[in-house]
């Protein structure tokens, strides 16, 4: 069960086989959002995406929206970025 602000909300679990042949529930990949650019943030040393998401989007769990807008599949791929694109707060 997903939280209301989760990008996985509404996605149905599927059963997949693990390495031992057991059926385990899994979620499909979350859809990427269509984000509108709000602006750019110049990164400081050790700033994390969840911190930026809280400052700009008022939801630290929305870090995936920043990653999506920047074309990063994994949030850590942006750890060395000098500037990070920030989406609009809308949603």
PDB file of N, CA and C in Angstrom:
ATOM      1  N   UNK A   1       0.848  -1.170   0.000  1.00  0.00           N
ATOM      2  CA  UNK A   1       0.000   0.000   0.000  1.00  0.00           C
ATOM      3  C   UNK A   1       0.897   1.238   0.000  1.00  0.00           C
ATOM      4  N   UNK A   2       0.585   2.188  -0.861  1.00  0.00           N
ATOM      5  CA  UNK A   2       1.414   3.381  -1.010  1.00  0.00           C
ATOM      6  C   UNK A   2       0.771   4.582  -0.337  1.00  0.00           C
ATOM      7  N   UNK A   3       1.608   5.509   0.082  1.00  0.00           N
ATOM      8  CA  UNK A   3       1.105   6.741   0.679  1.00  0.00           C
ATOM      9  C   UNK A   3       0.481   7.621  -0.397  1.00  0.00           C
ATOM     10  N   UNK A   4      -0.319   8.591   0.020  1.00  0.00           N
ATOM     11  CA  UNK A   4      -1.024   9.452  -0.937  1.00  0.00           C
ATOM     12  C   UNK A   4      -0.100  10.238  -1.851  1.00  0.00           C
ATOM     13  N   UNK A   5       1.079  10.618  -1.382  1.00  0.00           N
ATOM     14  CA  UNK A   5       1.990  11.405  -2.209  1.00  0.00           C
ATOM     15  C   UNK A   5       3.018  10.550  -2.941  1.00  0.00           C
ATOM     16  N   UNK A   6       2.865   9.228  -2.869  1.00  0.00           N
ATOM     17  CA  UNK A   6       3.817   8.327  -3.513  1.00  0.00           C
ATOM     18  C   UNK A   6       3.586   8.257  -5.019  1.00  0.00           C
ATOM     19  N   UNK A   7       4.669   8.184  -5.784  1.00  0.00           N
ATOM     20  CA  UNK A   7       4.522   8.017  -7.227  1.00  0.00           C
ATOM     21  C   UNK A   7       4.099   6.603  -7.576  1.00  0.00           C
ATOM     22  N   UNK A   8       4.079   5.707  -6.597  1.00  0.00           N
ATOM     23  CA  UNK A   8       3.635   4.334  -6.805  1.00  0.00           C
ATOM     24  C   UNK A   8       2.147   4.154  -6.473  1.00  0.00           C
ATOM     25  N   UNK A   9       1.499   5.207  -5.992  1.00  0.00           N
ATOM     26  CA  UNK A   9       0.084   5.106  -5.635  1.00  0.00           C
ATOM     27  C   UNK A   9      -0.726   4.712  -6.867  1.00  0.00           C
ATOM     28  N   UNK A  10      -1.564   3.717  -6.685  1.00  0.00           N
ATOM     29  CA  UNK A  10      -2.427   3.274  -7.760  1.00  0.00           C
ATOM     30  C   UNK A  10      -1.831   2.181  -8.634  1.00  0.00           C
ATOM     31  N   UNK A  11      -0.526   1.923  -8.507  1.00  0.00           N
ATOM     32  CA  UNK A  11       0.080   0.848  -9.291  1.00  0.00           C
ATOM     33  C   UNK A  11      -0.210  -0.494  -8.624  1.00  0.00           C
ATOM     34  N   UNK A  12      -0.536  -1.473  -9.417  1.00  0.00           N
ATOM     35  CA  UNK A  12      -0.851  -2.802  -8.907  1.00  0.00           C
ATOM     36  C   UNK A  12       0.418  -3.639  -8.788  1.00  0.00           C
ATOM     37  N   UNK A  13       0.506  -4.398  -7.705  1.00  0.00           N
ATOM     38  CA  UNK A  13       1.641  -5.294  -7.546  1.00  0.00           C
ATOM     39  C   UNK A  13       1.483  -6.495  -8.486  1.00  0.00           C
ATOM     40  N   UNK A  14       2.602  -7.048  -8.860  1.00  0.00           N
ATOM     41  CA  UNK A  14       2.630  -8.253  -9.690  1.00  0.00           C
ATOM     42  C   UNK A  14       3.465  -9.291  -8.952  1.00  0.00           C
ATOM     43  N   UNK A  15       3.226 -10.542  -9.246  1.00  0.00           N
ATOM     44  CA  UNK A  15       4.028 -11.606  -8.636  1.00  0.00           C
ATOM     45  C   UNK A  15       5.172 -11.970  -9.571  1.00  0.00           C
ATOM     46  N   UNK A  16       6.370 -12.027  -9.009  1.00  0.00           N
ATOM     47  CA  UNK A  16       7.552 -12.439  -9.769  1.00  0.00           C
ATOM     48  C   UNK A  16       8.254 -13.533  -8.975  1.00  0.00           C
ATOM     49  N   UNK A  17       9.004 -14.341  -9.666  1.00  0.00           N
ATOM     50  CA  UNK A  17       9.735 -15.430  -9.006  1.00  0.00           C
ATOM     51  C   UNK A  17      11.097 -14.917  -8.546  1.00  0.00           C
ATOM     52  N   UNK A  18      11.443 -15.242  -7.309  1.00  0.00           N
ATOM     53  CA  UNK A  18      12.778 -14.895  -6.828  1.00  0.00           C
ATOM     54  C   UNK A  18      13.753 -16.021  -7.193  1.00  0.00           C
ATOM     55  N   UNK A  19      15.001 -15.893  -6.761  1.00  0.00           N
ATOM     56  CA  UNK A  19      16.023 -16.873  -7.143  1.00  0.00           C
ATOM     57  C   UNK A  19      15.760 -18.266  -6.568  1.00  0.00           C
ATOM     58  N   UNK A  20      14.883 -18.345  -5.573  1.00  0.00           N
ATOM     59  CA  UNK A  20      14.528 -19.649  -4.989  1.00  0.00           C
ATOM     60  C   UNK A  20      13.232 -20.203  -5.561  1.00  0.00           C
ATOM     61  N   UNK A  21      12.670 -19.522  -6.568  1.00  0.00           N
ATOM     62  CA  UNK A  21      11.447 -19.994  -7.192  1.00  0.00           C
ATOM     63  C   UNK A  21      10.171 -19.600  -6.473  1.00  0.00           C
ATOM     64  N   UNK A  22      10.277 -18.787  -5.448  1.00  0.00           N
ATOM     65  CA  UNK A  22       9.088 -18.348  -4.707  1.00  0.00           C
ATOM     66  C   UNK A  22       8.452 -17.153  -5.400  1.00  0.00           C
ATOM     67  N   UNK A  23       7.128 -17.075  -5.325  1.00  0.00           N
ATOM     68  CA  UNK A  23       6.408 -15.902  -5.835  1.00  0.00           C
ATOM     69  C   UNK A  23       6.476 -14.790  -4.799  1.00  0.00           C
ATOM     70  N   UNK A  24       6.960 -13.637  -5.218  1.00  0.00           N
ATOM     71  CA  UNK A  24       7.027 -12.479  -4.318  1.00  0.00           C
ATOM     72  C   UNK A  24       6.365 -11.293  -5.007  1.00  0.00           C
ATOM     73  N   UNK A  25       5.646 -10.464  -4.235  1.00  0.00           N
ATOM     74  CA  UNK A  25       5.007  -9.297  -4.844  1.00  0.00           C
ATOM     75  C   UNK A  25       6.037  -8.223  -5.159  1.00  0.00           C
ATOM     76  N   UNK A  26       5.845  -7.542  -6.283  1.00  0.00           N
ATOM     77  CA  UNK A  26       6.736  -6.449  -6.690  1.00  0.00           C
ATOM     78  C   UNK A  26       5.904  -5.373  -7.373  1.00  0.00           C
ATOM     79  N   UNK A  27       6.390  -4.160  -7.321  1.00  0.00           N
ATOM     80  CA  UNK A  27       5.741  -3.049  -8.020  1.00  0.00           C
ATOM     81  C   UNK A  27       6.424  -2.830  -9.361  1.00  0.00           C
ATOM     82  N   UNK A  28       5.665  -2.465 -10.384  1.00  0.00           N
ATOM     83  CA  UNK A  28       6.293  -2.113 -11.656  1.00  0.00           C
ATOM     84  C   UNK A  28       7.021  -0.778 -11.514  1.00  0.00           C
ATOM     85  N   UNK A  29       7.883  -0.431 -12.457  1.00  0.00           N
ATOM     86  CA  UNK A  29       8.553   0.873 -12.386  1.00  0.00           C
ATOM     87  C   UNK A  29       7.521   2.005 -12.358  1.00  0.00           C
ATOM     88  N   UNK A  30       7.821   3.006 -11.567  1.00  0.00           N
ATOM     89  CA  UNK A  30       6.918   4.152 -11.466  1.00  0.00           C
ATOM     90  C   UNK A  30       6.991   4.984 -12.746  1.00  0.00           C
ATOM     91  N   UNK A  31       5.861   5.537 -13.157  1.00  0.00           N
ATOM     92  CA  UNK A  31       5.893   6.395 -14.345  1.00  0.00           C
ATOM     93  C   UNK A  31       6.668   7.676 -14.059  1.00  0.00           C
ATOM     94  N   UNK A  32       7.380   8.156 -15.075  1.00  0.00           N
ATOM     95  CA  UNK A  32       8.110   9.420 -14.928  1.00  0.00           C
ATOM     96  C   UNK A  32       7.129  10.559 -15.119  1.00  0.00           C
ATOM     97  N   UNK A  33       7.244  11.555 -14.289  1.00  0.00           N
ATOM     98  CA  UNK A  33       6.340  12.693 -14.363  1.00  0.00           C
ATOM     99  C   UNK A  33       6.701  13.665 -15.466  1.00  0.00           C
ATOM    100  N   UNK A  34       5.716  14.373 -15.925  1.00  0.00           N
ATOM    101  CA  UNK A  34       5.926  15.475 -16.869  1.00  0.00           C
ATOM    102  C   UNK A  34       6.121  16.727 -16.024  1.00  0.00           C
ATOM    103  N   UNK A  35       7.346  17.112 -15.820  1.00  0.00           N
ATOM    104  CA  UNK A  35       7.667  18.221 -14.927  1.00  0.00           C
ATOM    105  C   UNK A  35       7.873  19.528 -15.688  1.00  0.00           C
ATOM    106  N   UNK A  36       7.460  20.617 -15.061  1.00  0.00           N
ATOM    107  CA  UNK A  36       7.668  21.956 -15.592  1.00  0.00           C
ATOM    108  C   UNK A  36       8.809  22.603 -14.815  1.00  0.00           C
ATOM    109  N   UNK A  37       9.741  23.186 -15.519  1.00  0.00           N
ATOM    110  CA  UNK A  37      10.913  23.800 -14.885  1.00  0.00           C
ATOM    111  C   UNK A  37      10.533  25.058 -14.114  1.00  0.00           C
ATOM    112  N   UNK A  38      10.927  25.087 -12.846  1.00  0.00           N
ATOM    113  CA  UNK A  38      10.754  26.276 -12.011  1.00  0.00           C
ATOM    114  C   UNK A  38      12.001  27.161 -12.092  1.00  0.00           C
ATOM    115  N   UNK A  39      13.157  26.520 -12.103  1.00  0.00           N
ATOM    116  CA  UNK A  39      14.428  27.242 -12.139  1.00  0.00           C
ATOM    117  C   UNK A  39      15.561  26.290 -11.806  1.00  0.00           C
ATOM    118  N   UNK A  40      16.711  26.863 -11.478  1.00  0.00           N
ATOM    119  CA  UNK A  40      17.893  26.063 -11.182  1.00  0.00           C
ATOM    120  C   UNK A  40      18.408  26.402  -9.791  1.00  0.00           C
ATOM    121  N   UNK A  41      18.949  25.412  -9.137  1.00  0.00           N
ATOM    122  CA  UNK A  41      19.544  25.576  -7.815  1.00  0.00           C
ATOM    123  C   UNK A  41      21.033  25.283  -7.926  1.00  0.00           C
ATOM    124  N   UNK A  42      21.858  26.203  -7.455  1.00  0.00           N
ATOM    125  CA  UNK A  42      23.304  25.987  -7.430  1.00  0.00           C
ATOM    126  C   UNK A  42      23.620  25.172  -6.176  1.00  0.00           C
ATOM    127  N   UNK A  43      24.153  23.982  -6.406  1.00  0.00           N
ATOM    128  CA  UNK A  43      24.373  23.042  -5.304  1.00  0.00           C
ATOM    129  C   UNK A  43      25.545  23.451  -4.432  1.00  0.00           C
ATOM    130  N   UNK A  44      25.371  23.216  -3.137  1.00  0.00           N
ATOM    131  CA  UNK A  44      26.432  23.402  -2.158  1.00  0.00           C
ATOM    132  C   UNK A  44      26.936  22.022  -1.725  1.00  0.00           C
ATOM    133  N   UNK A  45      28.066  22.004  -1.101  1.00  0.00           N
ATOM    134  CA  UNK A  45      28.667  20.750  -0.660  1.00  0.00           C
ATOM    135  C   UNK A  45      27.710  19.960   0.224  1.00  0.00           C
ATOM    136  N   UNK A  46      27.526  18.709  -0.099  1.00  0.00           N
ATOM    137  CA  UNK A  46      26.733  17.737   0.660  1.00  0.00           C
ATOM    138  C   UNK A  46      25.219  17.971   0.672  1.00  0.00           C
ATOM    139  N   UNK A  47      24.692  18.805  -0.206  1.00  0.00           N
ATOM    140  CA  UNK A  47      23.240  18.954  -0.294  1.00  0.00           C
ATOM    141  C   UNK A  47      22.649  17.717  -0.946  1.00  0.00           C
ATOM    142  N   UNK A  48      21.601  17.210  -0.340  1.00  0.00           N
ATOM    143  CA  UNK A  48      20.929  16.031  -0.875  1.00  0.00           C
ATOM    144  C   UNK A  48      19.633  16.436  -1.573  1.00  0.00           C
ATOM    145  N   UNK A  49      19.163  15.564  -2.476  1.00  0.00           N
ATOM    146  CA  UNK A  49      17.930  15.868  -3.208  1.00  0.00           C
ATOM    147  C   UNK A  49      16.714  15.922  -2.292  1.00  0.00           C
ATOM    148  N   UNK A  50      16.687  15.122  -1.236  1.00  0.00           N
ATOM    149  CA  UNK A  50      15.536  15.186  -0.336  1.00  0.00           C
ATOM    150  C   UNK A  50      15.485  16.538   0.379  1.00  0.00           C
ATOM    151  N   UNK A  51      16.644  17.117   0.647  1.00  0.00           N
ATOM    152  CA  UNK A  51      16.676  18.454   1.256  1.00  0.00           C
ATOM    153  C   UNK A  51      16.157  19.501   0.276  1.00  0.00           C
ATOM    154  N   UNK A  52      16.591  19.411  -0.987  1.00  0.00           N
ATOM    155  CA  UNK A  52      16.104  20.356  -1.996  1.00  0.00           C
ATOM    156  C   UNK A  52      14.605  20.194  -2.215  1.00  0.00           C
ATOM    157  N   UNK A  53      14.135  18.958  -2.210  1.00  0.00           N
ATOM    158  CA  UNK A  53      12.702  18.702  -2.397  1.00  0.00           C
ATOM    159  C   UNK A  53      11.898  19.327  -1.262  1.00  0.00           C
ATOM    160  N   UNK A  54      12.420  19.265  -0.059  1.00  0.00           N
ATOM    161  CA  UNK A  54      11.702  19.875   1.062  1.00  0.00           C
ATOM    162  C   UNK A  54      11.672  21.396   0.935  1.00  0.00           C
ATOM    163  N   UNK A  55      12.799  21.985   0.573  1.00  0.00           N
ATOM    164  CA  UNK A  55      12.873  23.445   0.453  1.00  0.00           C
ATOM    165  C   UNK A  55      11.969  23.965  -0.657  1.00  0.00           C
ATOM    166  N   UNK A  56      12.031  23.344  -1.835  1.00  0.00           N
ATOM    167  CA  UNK A  56      11.310  23.868  -2.994  1.00  0.00           C
ATOM    168  C   UNK A  56       9.913  23.285  -3.185  1.00  0.00           C
ATOM    169  N   UNK A  57       9.724  22.032  -2.786  1.00  0.00           N
ATOM    170  CA  UNK A  57       8.452  21.358  -3.053  1.00  0.00           C
ATOM    171  C   UNK A  57       7.657  21.089  -1.781  1.00  0.00           C
ATOM    172  N   UNK A  58       8.253  21.398  -0.627  1.00  0.00           N
ATOM    173  CA  UNK A  58       7.636  21.180   0.687  1.00  0.00           C
ATOM    174  C   UNK A  58       7.305  19.718   0.940  1.00  0.00           C
ATOM    175  N   UNK A  59       8.083  18.820   0.318  1.00  0.00           N
ATOM    176  CA  UNK A  59       7.884  17.381   0.478  1.00  0.00           C
ATOM    177  C   UNK A  59       9.209  16.688   0.210  1.00  0.00           C
ATOM    178  N   UNK A  60       9.882  16.263   1.262  1.00  0.00           N
ATOM    179  CA  UNK A  60      11.194  15.635   1.081  1.00  0.00           C
ATOM    180  C   UNK A  60      11.107  14.321   0.309  1.00  0.00           C
ATOM    181  N   UNK A  61       9.949  13.703   0.296  1.00  0.00           N
ATOM    182  CA  UNK A  61       9.775  12.443  -0.455  1.00  0.00           C
ATOM    183  C   UNK A  61       9.625  12.675  -1.955  1.00  0.00           C
ATOM    184  N   UNK A  62       9.556  13.926  -2.390  1.00  0.00           N
ATOM    185  CA  UNK A  62       9.386  14.246  -3.813  1.00  0.00           C
ATOM    186  C   UNK A  62      10.732  14.418  -4.530  1.00  0.00           C
ATOM    187  N   UNK A  63      11.800  13.931  -3.924  1.00  0.00           N
ATOM    188  CA  UNK A  63      13.131  14.048  -4.554  1.00  0.00           C
ATOM    189  C   UNK A  63      13.164  13.407  -5.936  1.00  0.00           C
ATOM    190  N   UNK A  64      12.323  12.395  -6.154  1.00  0.00           N
ATOM    191  CA  UNK A  64      12.294  11.712  -7.457  1.00  0.00           C
ATOM    192  C   UNK A  64      11.831  12.649  -8.562  1.00  0.00           C
ATOM    193  N   UNK A  65      11.034  13.673  -8.231  1.00  0.00           N
ATOM    194  CA  UNK A  65      10.602  14.639  -9.244  1.00  0.00           C
ATOM    195  C   UNK A  65      11.788  15.454  -9.735  1.00  0.00           C
ATOM    196  N   UNK A  66      12.699  15.803  -8.832  1.00  0.00           N
ATOM    197  CA  UNK A  66      13.905  16.535  -9.215  1.00  0.00           C
ATOM    198  C   UNK A  66      14.787  15.636 -10.075  1.00  0.00           C
ATOM    199  N   UNK A  67      14.934  14.383  -9.661  1.00  0.00           N
ATOM    200  CA  UNK A  67      15.739  13.434 -10.447  1.00  0.00           C
ATOM    201  C   UNK A  67      15.148  13.261 -11.849  1.00  0.00           C
ATOM    202  N   UNK A  68      13.824  13.123 -11.941  1.00  0.00           N
ATOM    203  CA  UNK A  68      13.166  12.970 -13.248  1.00  0.00           C
ATOM    204  C   UNK A  68      13.446  14.164 -14.151  1.00  0.00           C
ATOM    205  N   UNK A  69      13.282  15.363 -13.628  1.00  0.00           N
ATOM    206  CA  UNK A  69      13.481  16.570 -14.427  1.00  0.00           C
ATOM    207  C   UNK A  69      14.918  16.691 -14.925  1.00  0.00           C
ATOM    208  N   UNK A  70      15.853  16.163 -14.146  1.00  0.00           N
ATOM    209  CA  UNK A  70      17.263  16.230 -14.517  1.00  0.00           C
ATOM    210  C   UNK A  70      17.726  15.010 -15.315  1.00  0.00           C
ATOM    211  N   UNK A  71      16.796  14.129 -15.649  1.00  0.00           N
ATOM    212  CA  UNK A  71      17.126  12.970 -16.470  1.00  0.00           C
ATOM    213  C   UNK A  71      17.939  11.907 -15.753  1.00  0.00           C
ATOM    214  N   UNK A  72      17.877  11.895 -14.430  1.00  0.00           N
ATOM    215  CA  UNK A  72      18.641  10.919 -13.654  1.00  0.00           C
ATOM    216  C   UNK A  72      17.749   9.749 -13.247  1.00  0.00           C
ATOM    217  N   UNK A  73      18.163   8.554 -13.556  1.00  0.00           N
ATOM    218  CA  UNK A  73      17.409   7.376 -13.133  1.00  0.00           C
ATOM    219  C   UNK A  73      17.625   7.135 -11.642  1.00  0.00           C
ATOM    220  N   UNK A  74      18.847   7.321 -11.197  1.00  0.00           N
ATOM    221  CA  UNK A  74      19.177   7.195  -9.776  1.00  0.00           C
ATOM    222  C   UNK A  74      19.498   8.575  -9.215  1.00  0.00           C
ATOM    223  N   UNK A  75      18.908   8.955  -8.092  1.00  0.00           N
ATOM    224  CA  UNK A  75      19.173  10.271  -7.512  1.00  0.00           C
ATOM    225  C   UNK A  75      20.659  10.546  -7.263  1.00  0.00           C
ATOM    226  N   UNK A  76      21.415   9.511  -6.904  1.00  0.00           N
ATOM    227  CA  UNK A  76      22.848   9.705  -6.641  1.00  0.00           C
ATOM    228  C   UNK A  76      23.619  10.164  -7.866  1.00  0.00           C
ATOM    229  N   UNK A  77      23.053   9.976  -9.052  1.00  0.00           N
ATOM    230  CA  UNK A  77      23.718  10.425 -10.274  1.00  0.00           C
ATOM    231  C   UNK A  77      23.861  11.940 -10.301  1.00  0.00           C
ATOM    232  N   UNK A  78      23.065  12.640  -9.496  1.00  0.00           N
ATOM    233  CA  UNK A  78      23.124  14.110  -9.459  1.00  0.00           C
ATOM    234  C   UNK A  78      24.010  14.637  -8.330  1.00  0.00           C
ATOM    235  N   UNK A  79      24.659  13.754  -7.597  1.00  0.00           N
ATOM    236  CA  UNK A  79      25.419  14.199  -6.421  1.00  0.00           C
ATOM    237  C   UNK A  79      26.565  15.149  -6.762  1.00  0.00           C
ATOM    238  N   UNK A  80      27.100  15.075  -7.965  1.00  0.00           N
ATOM    239  CA  UNK A  80      28.206  15.949  -8.348  1.00  0.00           C
ATOM    240  C   UNK A  80      27.763  17.110  -9.242  1.00  0.00           C
ATOM    241  N   UNK A  81      26.461  17.242  -9.476  1.00  0.00           N
ATOM    242  CA  UNK A  81      25.961  18.316 -10.346  1.00  0.00           C
ATOM    243  C   UNK A  81      26.197  19.676  -9.700  1.00  0.00           C
ATOM    244  N   UNK A  82      26.645  20.624 -10.500  1.00  0.00           N
ATOM    245  CA  UNK A  82      26.866  21.985 -10.005  1.00  0.00           C
ATOM    246  C   UNK A  82      25.533  22.718  -9.891  1.00  0.00           C
ATOM    247  N   UNK A  83      24.681  22.545 -10.901  1.00  0.00           N
ATOM    248  CA  UNK A  83      23.335  23.120 -10.887  1.00  0.00           C
ATOM    249  C   UNK A  83      22.322  22.006 -11.069  1.00  0.00           C
ATOM    250  N   UNK A  84      21.207  22.153 -10.388  1.00  0.00           N
ATOM    251  CA  UNK A  84      20.157  21.157 -10.468  1.00  0.00           C
ATOM    252  C   UNK A  84      18.855  21.846 -10.860  1.00  0.00           C
ATOM    253  N   UNK A  85      18.197  21.310 -11.887  1.00  0.00           N
ATOM    254  CA  UNK A  85      16.901  21.841 -12.307  1.00  0.00           C
ATOM    255  C   UNK A  85      15.857  21.491 -11.249  1.00  0.00           C
ATOM    256  N   UNK A  86      15.005  22.463 -10.940  1.00  0.00           N
ATOM    257  CA  UNK A  86      13.964  22.298  -9.923  1.00  0.00           C
ATOM    258  C   UNK A  86      12.599  22.414 -10.593  1.00  0.00           C
ATOM    259  N   UNK A  87      11.684  21.460 -10.331  1.00  0.00           N
ATOM    260  CA  UNK A  87      10.347  21.538 -10.933  1.00  0.00           C
ATOM    261  C   UNK A  87       9.438  22.500 -10.173  1.00  0.00           C
ATOM    262  N   UNK A  88       8.351  22.874 -10.825  1.00  0.00           N
ATOM    263  CA  UNK A  88       7.305  23.667 -10.165  1.00  0.00           C
ATOM    264  C   UNK A  88       6.746  22.876  -8.985  1.00  0.00           C
ATOM    265  N   UNK A  89       6.198  23.588  -8.021  1.00  0.00           N
ATOM    266  CA  UNK A  89       5.652  22.956  -6.824  1.00  0.00           C
ATOM    267  C   UNK A  89       4.309  22.294  -7.088  1.00  0.00           C
ATOM    268  N   UNK A  90       3.678  22.554  -8.192  1.00  0.00           N
ATOM    269  CA  UNK A  90       2.333  22.089  -8.506  1.00  0.00           C
ATOM    270  C   UNK A  90       2.179  20.594  -8.260  1.00  0.00           C
ATOM    271  N   UNK A  91       1.029  20.179  -7.751  1.00  0.00           N
ATOM    272  CA  UNK A  91       0.594  18.798  -7.580  1.00  0.00           C
ATOM    273  C   UNK A  91      -0.271  18.676  -6.415  1.00  0.00           C
TER     274      UNK A  91
END
